[in-house]
Amino acid sequence: MNKSISINRNLINFGIPFGLLAVLILLMKSSLSNGNNAFNIGITIDLLLTVPLVYYLLIRKSEIPKTTVIPLMTIGLLIGSYILPLESQTYLLIFKTWALPVIKVSILAFFIHKVCLVIKKYKTLKESTPDFFNKLKSICSEILPKKLVLPFATEVAIFYYGFINWKKIKINNNEFTYHKNSGTPALLGAFILIMGIEIFALHFLLAKWSLLLAWILTALSIYTSIQIFGFAKSLTKRPISINKESLTLKYGVLSEAEIHFSDIDKVELSTKSLEKSKLTKTLSPLGELESHNIIIHLNKENELVGLYGKKKKFIILGLHIDEPTEFSKRMKNALQQRL
């Protein structure tokens, strides 16, 4: 229901301004604009001011960045430059000469301001937040719309973990790994190998029919392989941690959850099959392809954040820990101390 409302709202936000631009184009192409200087001045004002103002009023309370008014104004400027008669473009030329440079400088100043905020945020988080992905999400929230934060941060993190961060991390006393005794890294590696073989075979096959399509699919396959490699590497960089008041679960950049101890009913050391339920999930997005040795039972629903911010509710969660006995012992002690 909320998704439907959001889609309808976006149709209004973008549909009305572009509908107005379409009407203005029709008016400019009609006989009304022929030699009618006052009419063309009005069209110019509508293109550069009225339509952007209407758009701003529509999006001012939404999550759409207010800076998108500038591209809409630029579209209006381009439409006027190509369709209005040259003798009626006096005010367009004035706008290009005086207003456009001011807008460019303002955009540059805004960009510099955002960069300064990012640098300041990074320095603040450098010591307090050692986890790169969490740090990146926090920084992105300062400069990007809310809906773009996780997708953008995930893409950057994939390349960072895959090709930049090769240093072995130090596992603290309260942290636990989940990749050493798991078959997931080997599974992902095999998948990359299979894709690599198929890429070349498929490329030569498609090249006989369409060289462009062959290269497009090859590029997509290579990019997918890079992503999978980044996913696999991120498993080694983001351990699970038992904190003072909560349990932080991570599965590379693929999924994560923060569970307060007050929400945990019990932590079960078990490899038994999980009961089939909408509220039963696994920390690994691979589901039953990866075995679990820990089952966490909650007394209330919590949220599992998956790839690119996809959220799932759960009350029972299965996961794999390299040292399940020690993890179970630490969790039971942590829960008892809270009572």
C-alpha atoms as a PDB file:
ATOM      1  CA  MET A   1       0.000   0.000   0.000  1.00  0.00           C
ATOM      2  CA  ASN A   2       2.778   2.443   0.994  1.00  0.00           C
ATOM      3  CA  LYS A   3       4.735   1.483  -2.127  1.00  0.00           C
ATOM      4  CA  SER A   4       1.681   2.214  -4.277  1.00  0.00           C
ATOM      5  CA  ILE A   5       1.217   5.602  -2.630  1.00  0.00           C
ATOM      6  CA  SER A   6       4.921   6.387  -3.164  1.00  0.00           C
ATOM      7  CA  ILE A   7       4.700   5.484  -6.865  1.00  0.00           C
ATOM      8  CA  ASN A   8       1.557   7.596  -7.318  1.00  0.00           C
ATOM      9  CA  ARG A   9       3.218  10.507  -5.551  1.00  0.00           C
ATOM     10  CA  ASN A  10       6.272  10.293  -7.787  1.00  0.00           C
ATOM     11  CA  LEU A  11       4.003  10.268 -10.848  1.00  0.00           C
ATOM     12  CA  ILE A  12       2.535  13.545  -9.624  1.00  0.00           C
ATOM     13  CA  ASN A  13       5.942  15.027  -8.712  1.00  0.00           C
ATOM     14  CA  PHE A  14       7.412  14.362 -12.144  1.00  0.00           C
ATOM     15  CA  GLY A  15       4.273  14.120 -14.281  1.00  0.00           C
ATOM     16  CA  ILE A  16       2.964  17.638 -13.610  1.00  0.00           C
ATOM     17  CA  PRO A  17       6.224  19.523 -14.434  1.00  0.00           C
ATOM     18  CA  PHE A  18       6.898  17.493 -17.574  1.00  0.00           C
ATOM     19  CA  GLY A  19       3.246  17.816 -18.549  1.00  0.00           C
ATOM     20  CA  LEU A  20       3.604  21.586 -18.256  1.00  0.00           C
ATOM     21  CA  LEU A  21       6.753  21.473 -20.394  1.00  0.00           C
ATOM     22  CA  ALA A  22       4.866  19.477 -23.025  1.00  0.00           C
ATOM     23  CA  VAL A  23       2.090  22.099 -23.069  1.00  0.00           C
ATOM     24  CA  LEU A  24       4.663  24.885 -23.428  1.00  0.00           C
ATOM     25  CA  ILE A  25       6.301  23.057 -26.365  1.00  0.00           C
ATOM     26  CA  LEU A  26       2.920  22.792 -28.095  1.00  0.00           C
ATOM     27  CA  LEU A  27       2.272  26.502 -27.500  1.00  0.00           C
ATOM     28  CA  MET A  28       5.689  27.448 -28.877  1.00  0.00           C
ATOM     29  CA  LYS A  29       5.043  25.402 -32.012  1.00  0.00           C
ATOM     30  CA  SER A  30       1.605  26.951 -32.486  1.00  0.00           C
ATOM     31  CA  SER A  31       0.791  30.104 -34.463  1.00  0.00           C
ATOM     32  CA  LEU A  32       0.380  32.055 -31.183  1.00  0.00           C
ATOM     33  CA  SER A  33       4.154  32.489 -30.867  1.00  0.00           C
ATOM     34  CA  ASN A  34       4.624  33.953 -34.344  1.00  0.00           C
ATOM     35  CA  GLY A  35       5.730  37.554 -33.874  1.00  0.00           C
ATOM     36  CA  ASN A  36       4.085  37.741 -30.442  1.00  0.00           C
ATOM     37  CA  ASN A  37       6.924  39.056 -28.299  1.00  0.00           C
ATOM     38  CA  ALA A  38       4.876  39.370 -25.095  1.00  0.00           C
ATOM     39  CA  PHE A  39       3.638  35.790 -25.493  1.00  0.00           C
ATOM     40  CA  ASN A  40       7.188  34.472 -25.966  1.00  0.00           C
ATOM     41  CA  ILE A  41       8.410  36.403 -22.916  1.00  0.00           C
ATOM     42  CA  GLY A  42       5.685  34.665 -20.890  1.00  0.00           C
ATOM     43  CA  ILE A  43       6.793  31.295 -22.311  1.00  0.00           C
ATOM     44  CA  THR A  44      10.383  32.062 -21.309  1.00  0.00           C
ATOM     45  CA  ILE A  45       9.330  32.926 -17.738  1.00  0.00           C
ATOM     46  CA  ASP A  46       7.318  29.694 -17.545  1.00  0.00           C
ATOM     47  CA  LEU A  47      10.220  27.589 -18.816  1.00  0.00           C
ATOM     48  CA  LEU A  48      12.825  29.072 -16.486  1.00  0.00           C
ATOM     49  CA  LEU A  49      10.801  29.982 -13.387  1.00  0.00           C
ATOM     50  CA  THR A  50       7.199  28.750 -13.276  1.00  0.00           C
ATOM     51  CA  VAL A  51       7.787  25.062 -14.068  1.00  0.00           C
ATOM     52  CA  PRO A  52      10.821  24.746 -11.725  1.00  0.00           C
ATOM     53  CA  LEU A  53       8.826  26.537  -8.980  1.00  0.00           C
ATOM     54  CA  VAL A  54       5.869  24.165  -9.389  1.00  0.00           C
ATOM     55  CA  TYR A  55       8.270  21.206  -9.272  1.00  0.00           C
ATOM     56  CA  TYR A  56       9.933  22.574  -6.122  1.00  0.00           C
ATOM     57  CA  LEU A  57       6.581  23.008  -4.377  1.00  0.00           C
ATOM     58  CA  LEU A  58       5.690  19.406  -5.249  1.00  0.00           C
ATOM     59  CA  ILE A  59       8.941  17.847  -3.947  1.00  0.00           C
ATOM     60  CA  ARG A  60       9.738  20.152  -1.008  1.00  0.00           C
ATOM     61  CA  LYS A  61       8.365  17.686   1.586  1.00  0.00           C
ATOM     62  CA  SER A  62       9.515  14.528  -0.209  1.00  0.00           C
ATOM     63  CA  GLU A  63      12.849  12.689  -0.193  1.00  0.00           C
ATOM     64  CA  ILE A  64      13.645  13.873  -3.719  1.00  0.00           C
ATOM     65  CA  PRO A  65      16.736  16.142  -3.595  1.00  0.00           C
ATOM     66  CA  LYS A  66      15.890  19.842  -3.976  1.00  0.00           C
ATOM     67  CA  THR A  67      18.928  20.154  -6.251  1.00  0.00           C
ATOM     68  CA  THR A  68      16.966  18.345  -8.994  1.00  0.00           C
ATOM     69  CA  VAL A  69      15.276  21.701  -9.641  1.00  0.00           C
ATOM     70  CA  ILE A  70      18.477  22.770 -11.451  1.00  0.00           C
ATOM     71  CA  PRO A  71      18.360  20.019 -14.127  1.00  0.00           C
ATOM     72  CA  LEU A  72      14.682  20.806 -14.727  1.00  0.00           C
ATOM     73  CA  MET A  73      15.538  24.478 -15.197  1.00  0.00           C
ATOM     74  CA  THR A  74      18.312  23.451 -17.603  1.00  0.00           C
ATOM     75  CA  ILE A  75      15.824  21.341 -19.587  1.00  0.00           C
ATOM     76  CA  GLY A  76      13.565  24.388 -19.849  1.00  0.00           C
ATOM     77  CA  LEU A  77      16.511  26.468 -21.058  1.00  0.00           C
ATOM     78  CA  LEU A  78      17.390  23.905 -23.740  1.00  0.00           C
ATOM     79  CA  ILE A  79      13.783  23.635 -24.910  1.00  0.00           C
ATOM     80  CA  GLY A  80      13.525  27.416 -25.231  1.00  0.00           C
ATOM     81  CA  SER A  81      16.868  27.655 -27.049  1.00  0.00           C
ATOM     82  CA  TYR A  82      15.839  25.099 -29.682  1.00  0.00           C
ATOM     83  CA  ILE A  83      12.167  25.977 -30.197  1.00  0.00           C
ATOM     84  CA  LEU A  84      11.688  29.701 -29.531  1.00  0.00           C
ATOM     85  CA  PRO A  85      12.424  32.000 -32.489  1.00  0.00           C
ATOM     86  CA  LEU A  86      15.857  33.620 -32.230  1.00  0.00           C
ATOM     87  CA  GLU A  87      14.342  37.137 -32.049  1.00  0.00           C
ATOM     88  CA  SER A  88      12.359  36.040 -28.956  1.00  0.00           C
ATOM     89  CA  GLN A  89      15.324  34.628 -27.026  1.00  0.00           C
ATOM     90  CA  THR A  90      16.451  37.927 -25.482  1.00  0.00           C
ATOM     91  CA  TYR A  91      15.567  36.876 -21.939  1.00  0.00           C
ATOM     92  CA  LEU A  92      17.031  33.414 -22.489  1.00  0.00           C
ATOM     93  CA  LEU A  93      20.331  35.066 -23.440  1.00  0.00           C
ATOM     94  CA  ILE A  94      20.153  37.274 -20.333  1.00  0.00           C
ATOM     95  CA  PHE A  95      19.553  34.157 -18.233  1.00  0.00           C
ATOM     96  CA  LYS A  96      22.517  32.370 -19.868  1.00  0.00           C
ATOM     97  CA  THR A  97      24.783  35.393 -19.395  1.00  0.00           C
ATOM     98  CA  TRP A  98      23.938  36.348 -15.809  1.00  0.00           C
ATOM     99  CA  ALA A  99      21.856  33.747 -13.984  1.00  0.00           C
ATOM    100  CA  LEU A 100      23.501  30.553 -15.301  1.00  0.00           C
ATOM    101  CA  PRO A 101      27.026  31.441 -14.042  1.00  0.00           C
ATOM    102  CA  VAL A 102      25.569  32.237 -10.596  1.00  0.00           C
ATOM    103  CA  ILE A 103      23.817  28.849 -10.578  1.00  0.00           C
ATOM    104  CA  LYS A 104      27.057  27.086 -11.592  1.00  0.00           C
ATOM    105  CA  VAL A 105      28.999  28.815  -8.802  1.00  0.00           C
ATOM    106  CA  SER A 106      26.239  27.941  -6.323  1.00  0.00           C
ATOM    107  CA  ILE A 107      26.355  24.274  -7.357  1.00  0.00           C
ATOM    108  CA  LEU A 108      30.145  24.273  -6.998  1.00  0.00           C
ATOM    109  CA  ALA A 109      29.871  25.885  -3.545  1.00  0.00           C
ATOM    110  CA  PHE A 110      27.244  23.328  -2.549  1.00  0.00           C
ATOM    111  CA  PHE A 111      29.482  20.482  -3.753  1.00  0.00           C
ATOM    112  CA  ILE A 112      32.495  21.859  -1.841  1.00  0.00           C
ATOM    113  CA  HIS A 113      30.314  22.194   1.275  1.00  0.00           C
ATOM    114  CA  LYS A 114      29.230  18.560   0.966  1.00  0.00           C
ATOM    115  CA  VAL A 115      32.835  17.413   0.465  1.00  0.00           C
ATOM    116  CA  CYS A 116      33.855  19.303   3.603  1.00  0.00           C
ATOM    117  CA  LEU A 117      31.037  17.593   5.511  1.00  0.00           C
ATOM    118  CA  VAL A 118      32.218  14.214   4.256  1.00  0.00           C
ATOM    119  CA  ILE A 119      35.827  14.895   5.308  1.00  0.00           C
ATOM    120  CA  LYS A 120      34.673  16.099   8.720  1.00  0.00           C
ATOM    121  CA  LYS A 121      32.427  13.061   9.142  1.00  0.00           C
ATOM    122  CA  TYR A 122      35.212  10.709   8.082  1.00  0.00           C
ATOM    123  CA  LYS A 123      37.623  12.184  10.643  1.00  0.00           C
ATOM    124  CA  THR A 124      34.971  11.847  13.347  1.00  0.00           C
ATOM    125  CA  LEU A 125      34.261   8.198  12.482  1.00  0.00           C
ATOM    126  CA  LYS A 126      37.830   7.164  11.712  1.00  0.00           C
ATOM    127  CA  GLU A 127      38.546   5.931  15.225  1.00  0.00           C
ATOM    128  CA  SER A 128      35.049   5.418  16.666  1.00  0.00           C
ATOM    129  CA  THR A 129      33.743   3.267  13.766  1.00  0.00           C
ATOM    130  CA  PRO A 130      36.411   0.820  12.542  1.00  0.00           C
ATOM    131  CA  ASP A 131      33.953  -1.040  10.280  1.00  0.00           C
ATOM    132  CA  PHE A 132      34.379   0.463   6.799  1.00  0.00           C
ATOM    133  CA  PHE A 133      30.870  -0.357   5.560  1.00  0.00           C
ATOM    134  CA  ASN A 134      29.196   1.276   8.567  1.00  0.00           C
ATOM    135  CA  LYS A 135      31.478   4.293   8.198  1.00  0.00           C
ATOM    136  CA  LEU A 136      30.653   4.535   4.494  1.00  0.00           C
ATOM    137  CA  LYS A 137      26.896   4.363   5.123  1.00  0.00           C
ATOM    138  CA  SER A 138      27.143   7.131   7.691  1.00  0.00           C
ATOM    139  CA  ILE A 139      29.138   9.344   5.304  1.00  0.00           C
ATOM    140  CA  CYS A 140      26.797   8.676   2.371  1.00  0.00           C
ATOM    141  CA  SER A 141      23.813   9.679   4.503  1.00  0.00           C
ATOM    142  CA  GLU A 142      25.303  13.185   4.632  1.00  0.00           C
ATOM    143  CA  ILE A 143      25.418  13.684   0.877  1.00  0.00           C
ATOM    144  CA  LEU A 144      22.878  11.341  -0.720  1.00  0.00           C
ATOM    145  CA  PRO A 145      19.092  10.891  -0.565  1.00  0.00           C
ATOM    146  CA  LYS A 146      18.062   8.234   1.943  1.00  0.00           C
ATOM    147  CA  LYS A 147      17.010   5.683  -0.700  1.00  0.00           C
ATOM    148  CA  LEU A 148      20.372   5.892  -2.467  1.00  0.00           C
ATOM    149  CA  VAL A 149      22.576   5.500   0.627  1.00  0.00           C
ATOM    150  CA  LEU A 150      22.596   1.691   0.882  1.00  0.00           C
ATOM    151  CA  PRO A 151      22.778   0.913  -2.862  1.00  0.00           C
ATOM    152  CA  PHE A 152      25.650   3.357  -3.376  1.00  0.00           C
ATOM    153  CA  ALA A 153      27.501   2.327  -0.193  1.00  0.00           C
ATOM    154  CA  THR A 154      27.134  -1.357  -1.101  1.00  0.00           C
ATOM    155  CA  GLU A 155      28.612  -0.879  -4.572  1.00  0.00           C
ATOM    156  CA  VAL A 156      31.578   1.089  -3.197  1.00  0.00           C
ATOM    157  CA  ALA A 157      32.127  -1.434  -0.382  1.00  0.00           C
ATOM    158  CA  ILE A 158      32.170  -4.350  -2.845  1.00  0.00           C
ATOM    159  CA  PHE A 159      35.106  -2.817  -4.727  1.00  0.00           C
ATOM    160  CA  TYR A 160      36.813  -1.737  -1.505  1.00  0.00           C
ATOM    161  CA  TYR A 161      36.706  -5.180   0.078  1.00  0.00           C
ATOM    162  CA  GLY A 162      37.436  -6.942  -3.195  1.00  0.00           C
ATOM    163  CA  PHE A 163      40.365  -4.910  -4.525  1.00  0.00           C
ATOM    164  CA  ILE A 164      41.619  -2.381  -1.960  1.00  0.00           C
ATOM    165  CA  ASN A 165      41.448  -3.841   1.535  1.00  0.00           C
ATOM    166  CA  TRP A 166      43.757  -6.867   1.546  1.00  0.00           C
ATOM    167  CA  LYS A 167      44.983  -6.387   5.100  1.00  0.00           C
ATOM    168  CA  LYS A 168      43.990  -9.122   7.521  1.00  0.00           C
ATOM    169  CA  ILE A 169      41.795  -7.711  10.275  1.00  0.00           C
ATOM    170  CA  LYS A 170      42.378  -8.328  13.975  1.00  0.00           C
ATOM    171  CA  ILE A 171      39.540 -10.255  15.609  1.00  0.00           C
ATOM    172  CA  ASN A 172      38.750  -8.802  19.035  1.00  0.00           C
ATOM    173  CA  ASN A 173      37.783 -10.848  22.067  1.00  0.00           C
ATOM    174  CA  ASN A 174      34.078 -10.090  21.586  1.00  0.00           C
ATOM    175  CA  GLU A 175      34.070 -10.892  17.846  1.00  0.00           C
ATOM    176  CA  PHE A 176      33.442 -14.111  15.944  1.00  0.00           C
ATOM    177  CA  THR A 177      34.190 -15.151  12.370  1.00  0.00           C
ATOM    178  CA  TYR A 178      31.857 -17.209  10.187  1.00  0.00           C
ATOM    179  CA  HIS A 179      33.796 -17.850   6.966  1.00  0.00           C
ATOM    180  CA  LYS A 180      36.638 -20.194   7.973  1.00  0.00           C
ATOM    181  CA  ASN A 181      34.633 -23.389   8.434  1.00  0.00           C
ATOM    182  CA  SER A 182      31.878 -22.441   6.033  1.00  0.00           C
ATOM    183  CA  GLY A 183      31.576 -23.675   2.482  1.00  0.00           C
ATOM    184  CA  THR A 184      30.340 -20.307   1.213  1.00  0.00           C
ATOM    185  CA  PRO A 185      33.715 -18.855   0.068  1.00  0.00           C
ATOM    186  CA  ALA A 186      34.424 -22.067  -1.891  1.00  0.00           C
ATOM    187  CA  LEU A 187      30.899 -22.005  -3.347  1.00  0.00           C
ATOM    188  CA  LEU A 188      31.262 -18.390  -4.481  1.00  0.00           C
ATOM    189  CA  GLY A 189      34.730 -19.146  -5.878  1.00  0.00           C
ATOM    190  CA  ALA A 190      33.350 -22.073  -7.881  1.00  0.00           C
ATOM    191  CA  PHE A 191      30.548 -19.857  -9.150  1.00  0.00           C
ATOM    192  CA  ILE A 192      33.067 -17.241 -10.365  1.00  0.00           C
ATOM    193  CA  LEU A 193      35.100 -19.971 -12.083  1.00  0.00           C
ATOM    194  CA  ILE A 194      32.022 -21.367 -13.856  1.00  0.00           C
ATOM    195  CA  MET A 195      30.981 -17.869 -14.919  1.00  0.00           C
ATOM    196  CA  GLY A 196      34.490 -17.228 -16.261  1.00  0.00           C
ATOM    197  CA  ILE A 197      34.340 -20.313 -18.458  1.00  0.00           C
ATOM    198  CA  GLU A 198      30.814 -19.537 -19.669  1.00  0.00           C
ATOM    199  CA  ILE A 199      31.657 -15.885 -20.409  1.00  0.00           C
ATOM    200  CA  PHE A 200      34.148 -16.823 -23.142  1.00  0.00           C
ATOM    201  CA  ALA A 201      31.995 -19.584 -24.616  1.00  0.00           C
ATOM    202  CA  LEU A 202      28.894 -17.389 -24.690  1.00  0.00           C
ATOM    203  CA  HIS A 203      30.835 -14.412 -26.050  1.00  0.00           C
ATOM    204  CA  PHE A 204      32.077 -16.288 -29.132  1.00  0.00           C
ATOM    205  CA  LEU A 205      28.641 -17.809 -29.692  1.00  0.00           C
ATOM    206  CA  LEU A 206      26.809 -14.471 -29.540  1.00  0.00           C
ATOM    207  CA  ALA A 207      29.499 -12.655 -31.536  1.00  0.00           C
ATOM    208  CA  LYS A 208      28.419 -14.614 -34.620  1.00  0.00           C
ATOM    209  CA  TRP A 209      24.970 -13.063 -34.291  1.00  0.00           C
ATOM    210  CA  SER A 210      25.630  -9.646 -32.686  1.00  0.00           C
ATOM    211  CA  LEU A 211      29.048  -8.393 -31.604  1.00  0.00           C
ATOM    212  CA  LEU A 212      27.533  -5.533 -29.595  1.00  0.00           C
ATOM    213  CA  LEU A 213      25.239  -7.864 -27.622  1.00  0.00           C
ATOM    214  CA  ALA A 214      28.147 -10.239 -27.045  1.00  0.00           C
ATOM    215  CA  TRP A 215      30.269  -7.485 -25.492  1.00  0.00           C
ATOM    216  CA  ILE A 216      27.359  -6.140 -23.414  1.00  0.00           C
ATOM    217  CA  LEU A 217      26.644  -9.565 -21.900  1.00  0.00           C
ATOM    218  CA  THR A 218      30.367 -10.188 -21.398  1.00  0.00           C
ATOM    219  CA  ALA A 219      30.738  -6.867 -19.564  1.00  0.00           C
ATOM    220  CA  LEU A 220      27.719  -7.659 -17.363  1.00  0.00           C
ATOM    221  CA  SER A 221      29.116 -11.116 -16.582  1.00  0.00           C
ATOM    222  CA  ILE A 222      32.520  -9.686 -15.667  1.00  0.00           C
ATOM    223  CA  TYR A 223      30.879  -7.071 -13.454  1.00  0.00           C
ATOM    224  CA  THR A 224      28.797  -9.785 -11.749  1.00  0.00           C
ATOM    225  CA  SER A 225      31.955 -11.833 -11.126  1.00  0.00           C
ATOM    226  CA  ILE A 226      33.615  -8.771  -9.586  1.00  0.00           C
ATOM    227  CA  GLN A 227      30.610  -8.290  -7.318  1.00  0.00           C
ATOM    228  CA  ILE A 228      30.654 -11.913  -6.190  1.00  0.00           C
ATOM    229  CA  PHE A 229      34.387 -11.654  -5.481  1.00  0.00           C
ATOM    230  CA  GLY A 230      33.737  -8.516  -3.392  1.00  0.00           C
ATOM    231  CA  PHE A 231      30.925 -10.303  -1.521  1.00  0.00           C
ATOM    232  CA  ALA A 232      33.236 -13.217  -0.723  1.00  0.00           C
ATOM    233  CA  LYS A 233      36.049 -10.952   0.487  1.00  0.00           C
ATOM    234  CA  SER A 234      33.664  -8.927   2.673  1.00  0.00           C
ATOM    235  CA  LEU A 235      32.863 -12.083   4.678  1.00  0.00           C
ATOM    236  CA  THR A 236      36.387 -11.999   6.090  1.00  0.00           C
ATOM    237  CA  LYS A 237      36.246  -8.291   6.995  1.00  0.00           C
ATOM    238  CA  ARG A 238      33.023  -7.968   8.988  1.00  0.00           C
ATOM    239  CA  PRO A 239      32.911 -10.274  12.027  1.00  0.00           C
ATOM    240  CA  ILE A 240      29.912 -10.808  14.288  1.00  0.00           C
ATOM    241  CA  SER A 241      30.257  -9.038  17.644  1.00  0.00           C
ATOM    242  CA  ILE A 242      28.741  -9.354  21.118  1.00  0.00           C
ATOM    243  CA  ASN A 243      28.408  -5.865  22.565  1.00  0.00           C
ATOM    244  CA  LYS A 244      27.365  -4.587  26.001  1.00  0.00           C
ATOM    245  CA  GLU A 245      23.656  -4.389  25.237  1.00  0.00           C
ATOM    246  CA  SER A 246      23.261  -5.976  21.826  1.00  0.00           C
ATOM    247  CA  LEU A 247      24.380  -8.580  19.323  1.00  0.00           C
ATOM    248  CA  THR A 248      25.628  -7.279  15.973  1.00  0.00           C
ATOM    249  CA  LEU A 249      25.200  -9.838  13.222  1.00  0.00           C
ATOM    250  CA  LYS A 250      26.935  -9.374   9.882  1.00  0.00           C
ATOM    251  CA  TYR A 251      27.295 -11.489   6.796  1.00  0.00           C
ATOM    252  CA  GLY A 252      29.762  -9.446   4.771  1.00  0.00           C
ATOM    253  CA  VAL A 253      27.835  -6.699   2.988  1.00  0.00           C
ATOM    254  CA  LEU A 254      25.067  -9.162   2.119  1.00  0.00           C
ATOM    255  CA  SER A 255      23.057  -8.899   5.331  1.00  0.00           C
ATOM    256  CA  GLU A 256      23.183  -7.560   8.881  1.00  0.00           C
ATOM    257  CA  ALA A 257      21.064  -7.119  11.986  1.00  0.00           C
ATOM    258  CA  GLU A 258      21.366  -5.447  15.371  1.00  0.00           C
ATOM    259  CA  ILE A 259      19.531  -7.368  18.111  1.00  0.00           C
ATOM    260  CA  HIS A 260      19.184  -5.985  21.631  1.00  0.00           C
ATOM    261  CA  PHE A 261      19.615  -8.562  24.380  1.00  0.00           C
ATOM    262  CA  SER A 262      16.141  -7.720  25.694  1.00  0.00           C
ATOM    263  CA  ASP A 263      14.683  -9.087  22.418  1.00  0.00           C
ATOM    264  CA  ILE A 264      16.494 -12.441  22.663  1.00  0.00           C
ATOM    265  CA  ASP A 265      14.614 -15.364  24.187  1.00  0.00           C
ATOM    266  CA  LYS A 266      17.388 -17.942  23.825  1.00  0.00           C
ATOM    267  CA  VAL A 267      20.448 -18.880  21.785  1.00  0.00           C
ATOM    268  CA  GLU A 268      20.401 -22.501  20.703  1.00  0.00           C
ATOM    269  CA  LEU A 269      23.481 -24.496  19.703  1.00  0.00           C
ATOM    270  CA  SER A 270      21.915 -26.647  16.986  1.00  0.00           C
ATOM    271  CA  THR A 271      22.165 -27.828  13.382  1.00  0.00           C
ATOM    272  CA  LYS A 272      18.559 -29.031  13.193  1.00  0.00           C
ATOM    273  CA  SER A 273      16.384 -27.858  10.323  1.00  0.00           C
ATOM    274  CA  LEU A 274      14.676 -24.528  10.846  1.00  0.00           C
ATOM    275  CA  GLU A 275      10.914 -24.559  11.120  1.00  0.00           C
ATOM    276  CA  LYS A 276       9.089 -23.309   8.056  1.00  0.00           C
ATOM    277  CA  SER A 277       7.680 -19.865   8.802  1.00  0.00           C
ATOM    278  CA  LYS A 278       7.520 -16.377   7.304  1.00  0.00           C
ATOM    279  CA  LEU A 279       9.387 -15.136  10.370  1.00  0.00           C
ATOM    280  CA  THR A 280      12.137 -17.765  10.170  1.00  0.00           C
ATOM    281  CA  LYS A 281      15.206 -16.542   8.307  1.00  0.00           C
ATOM    282  CA  THR A 282      18.903 -17.281   7.907  1.00  0.00           C
ATOM    283  CA  LEU A 283      21.635 -14.676   8.241  1.00  0.00           C
ATOM    284  CA  SER A 284      23.133 -15.941   4.992  1.00  0.00           C
ATOM    285  CA  PRO A 285      21.093 -15.010   1.892  1.00  0.00           C
ATOM    286  CA  LEU A 286      22.077 -18.413   0.494  1.00  0.00           C
ATOM    287  CA  GLY A 287      19.508 -19.963   2.812  1.00  0.00           C
ATOM    288  CA  GLU A 288      19.683 -23.750   2.995  1.00  0.00           C
ATOM    289  CA  LEU A 289      22.776 -23.829   0.741  1.00  0.00           C
ATOM    290  CA  GLU A 290      24.775 -22.881   3.837  1.00  0.00           C
ATOM    291  CA  SER A 291      24.383 -24.929   6.997  1.00  0.00           C
ATOM    292  CA  HIS A 292      23.813 -23.274  10.372  1.00  0.00           C
ATOM    293  CA  ASN A 293      25.008 -24.264  13.830  1.00  0.00           C
ATOM    294  CA  ILE A 294      23.358 -21.498  15.883  1.00  0.00           C
ATOM    295  CA  ILE A 295      19.653 -20.679  16.132  1.00  0.00           C
ATOM    296  CA  ILE A 296      18.586 -17.430  17.779  1.00  0.00           C
ATOM    297  CA  HIS A 297      15.025 -17.271  19.121  1.00  0.00           C
ATOM    298  CA  LEU A 298      13.532 -13.827  19.773  1.00  0.00           C
ATOM    299  CA  ASN A 299      10.551 -12.710  21.845  1.00  0.00           C
ATOM    300  CA  LYS A 300       9.657  -9.979  19.360  1.00  0.00           C
ATOM    301  CA  GLU A 301      10.158  -9.284  15.671  1.00  0.00           C
ATOM    302  CA  ASN A 302      13.457  -7.815  14.495  1.00  0.00           C
ATOM    303  CA  GLU A 303      14.663  -6.663  11.101  1.00  0.00           C
ATOM    304  CA  LEU A 304      17.290  -8.234   8.878  1.00  0.00           C
ATOM    305  CA  VAL A 305      18.760  -5.760   6.384  1.00  0.00           C
ATOM    306  CA  GLY A 306      19.802  -7.520   3.193  1.00  0.00           C
ATOM    307  CA  LEU A 307      21.630  -6.567   0.028  1.00  0.00           C
ATOM    308  CA  TYR A 308      21.034  -2.965  -1.110  1.00  0.00           C
ATOM    309  CA  GLY A 309      18.826  -2.319   1.932  1.00  0.00           C
ATOM    310  CA  LYS A 310      16.155  -4.967   1.395  1.00  0.00           C
ATOM    311  CA  LYS A 311      14.509  -5.633   4.776  1.00  0.00           C
ATOM    312  CA  LYS A 312      12.994  -8.822   6.191  1.00  0.00           C
ATOM    313  CA  LYS A 313      11.230  -9.417   9.487  1.00  0.00           C
ATOM    314  CA  PHE A 314      12.296 -12.399  11.602  1.00  0.00           C
ATOM    315  CA  ILE A 315      11.758 -13.973  15.007  1.00  0.00           C
ATOM    316  CA  ILE A 316      13.928 -17.072  14.470  1.00  0.00           C
ATOM    317  CA  LEU A 317      17.330 -16.747  12.822  1.00  0.00           C
ATOM    318  CA  GLY A 318      19.791 -19.454  11.797  1.00  0.00           C
ATOM    319  CA  LEU A 319      23.478 -18.669  11.288  1.00  0.00           C
ATOM    320  CA  HIS A 320      26.903 -20.256  11.056  1.00  0.00           C
ATOM    321  CA  ILE A 321      29.695 -19.432  13.519  1.00  0.00           C
ATOM    322  CA  ASP A 322      33.240 -20.793  13.261  1.00  0.00           C
ATOM    323  CA  GLU A 323      33.343 -21.284  17.051  1.00  0.00           C
ATOM    324  CA  PRO A 324      29.697 -22.059  17.890  1.00  0.00           C
ATOM    325  CA  THR A 325      30.311 -23.466  21.385  1.00  0.00           C
ATOM    326  CA  GLU A 326      32.255 -20.411  22.526  1.00  0.00           C
ATOM    327  CA  PHE A 327      29.714 -18.079  20.932  1.00  0.00           C
ATOM    328  CA  SER A 328      26.814 -19.865  22.663  1.00  0.00           C
ATOM    329  CA  LYS A 329      28.632 -19.700  25.993  1.00  0.00           C
ATOM    330  CA  ARG A 330      29.395 -15.976  25.640  1.00  0.00           C
ATOM    331  CA  MET A 331      25.829 -15.177  24.633  1.00  0.00           C
ATOM    332  CA  LYS A 332      24.343 -17.084  27.564  1.00  0.00           C
ATOM    333  CA  ASN A 333      26.671 -15.219  29.932  1.00  0.00           C
ATOM    334  CA  ALA A 334      25.752 -11.895  28.364  1.00  0.00           C
ATOM    335  CA  LEU A 335      22.026 -12.620  28.671  1.00  0.00           C
ATOM    336  CA  GLN A 336      22.368 -13.805  32.276  1.00  0.00           C
ATOM    337  CA  GLN A 337      24.321 -10.708  33.282  1.00  0.00           C
ATOM    338  CA  ARG A 338      21.528  -8.571  31.926  1.00  0.00           C
ATOM    339  CA  LEU A 339      18.937 -10.239  34.216  1.00  0.00           C
END
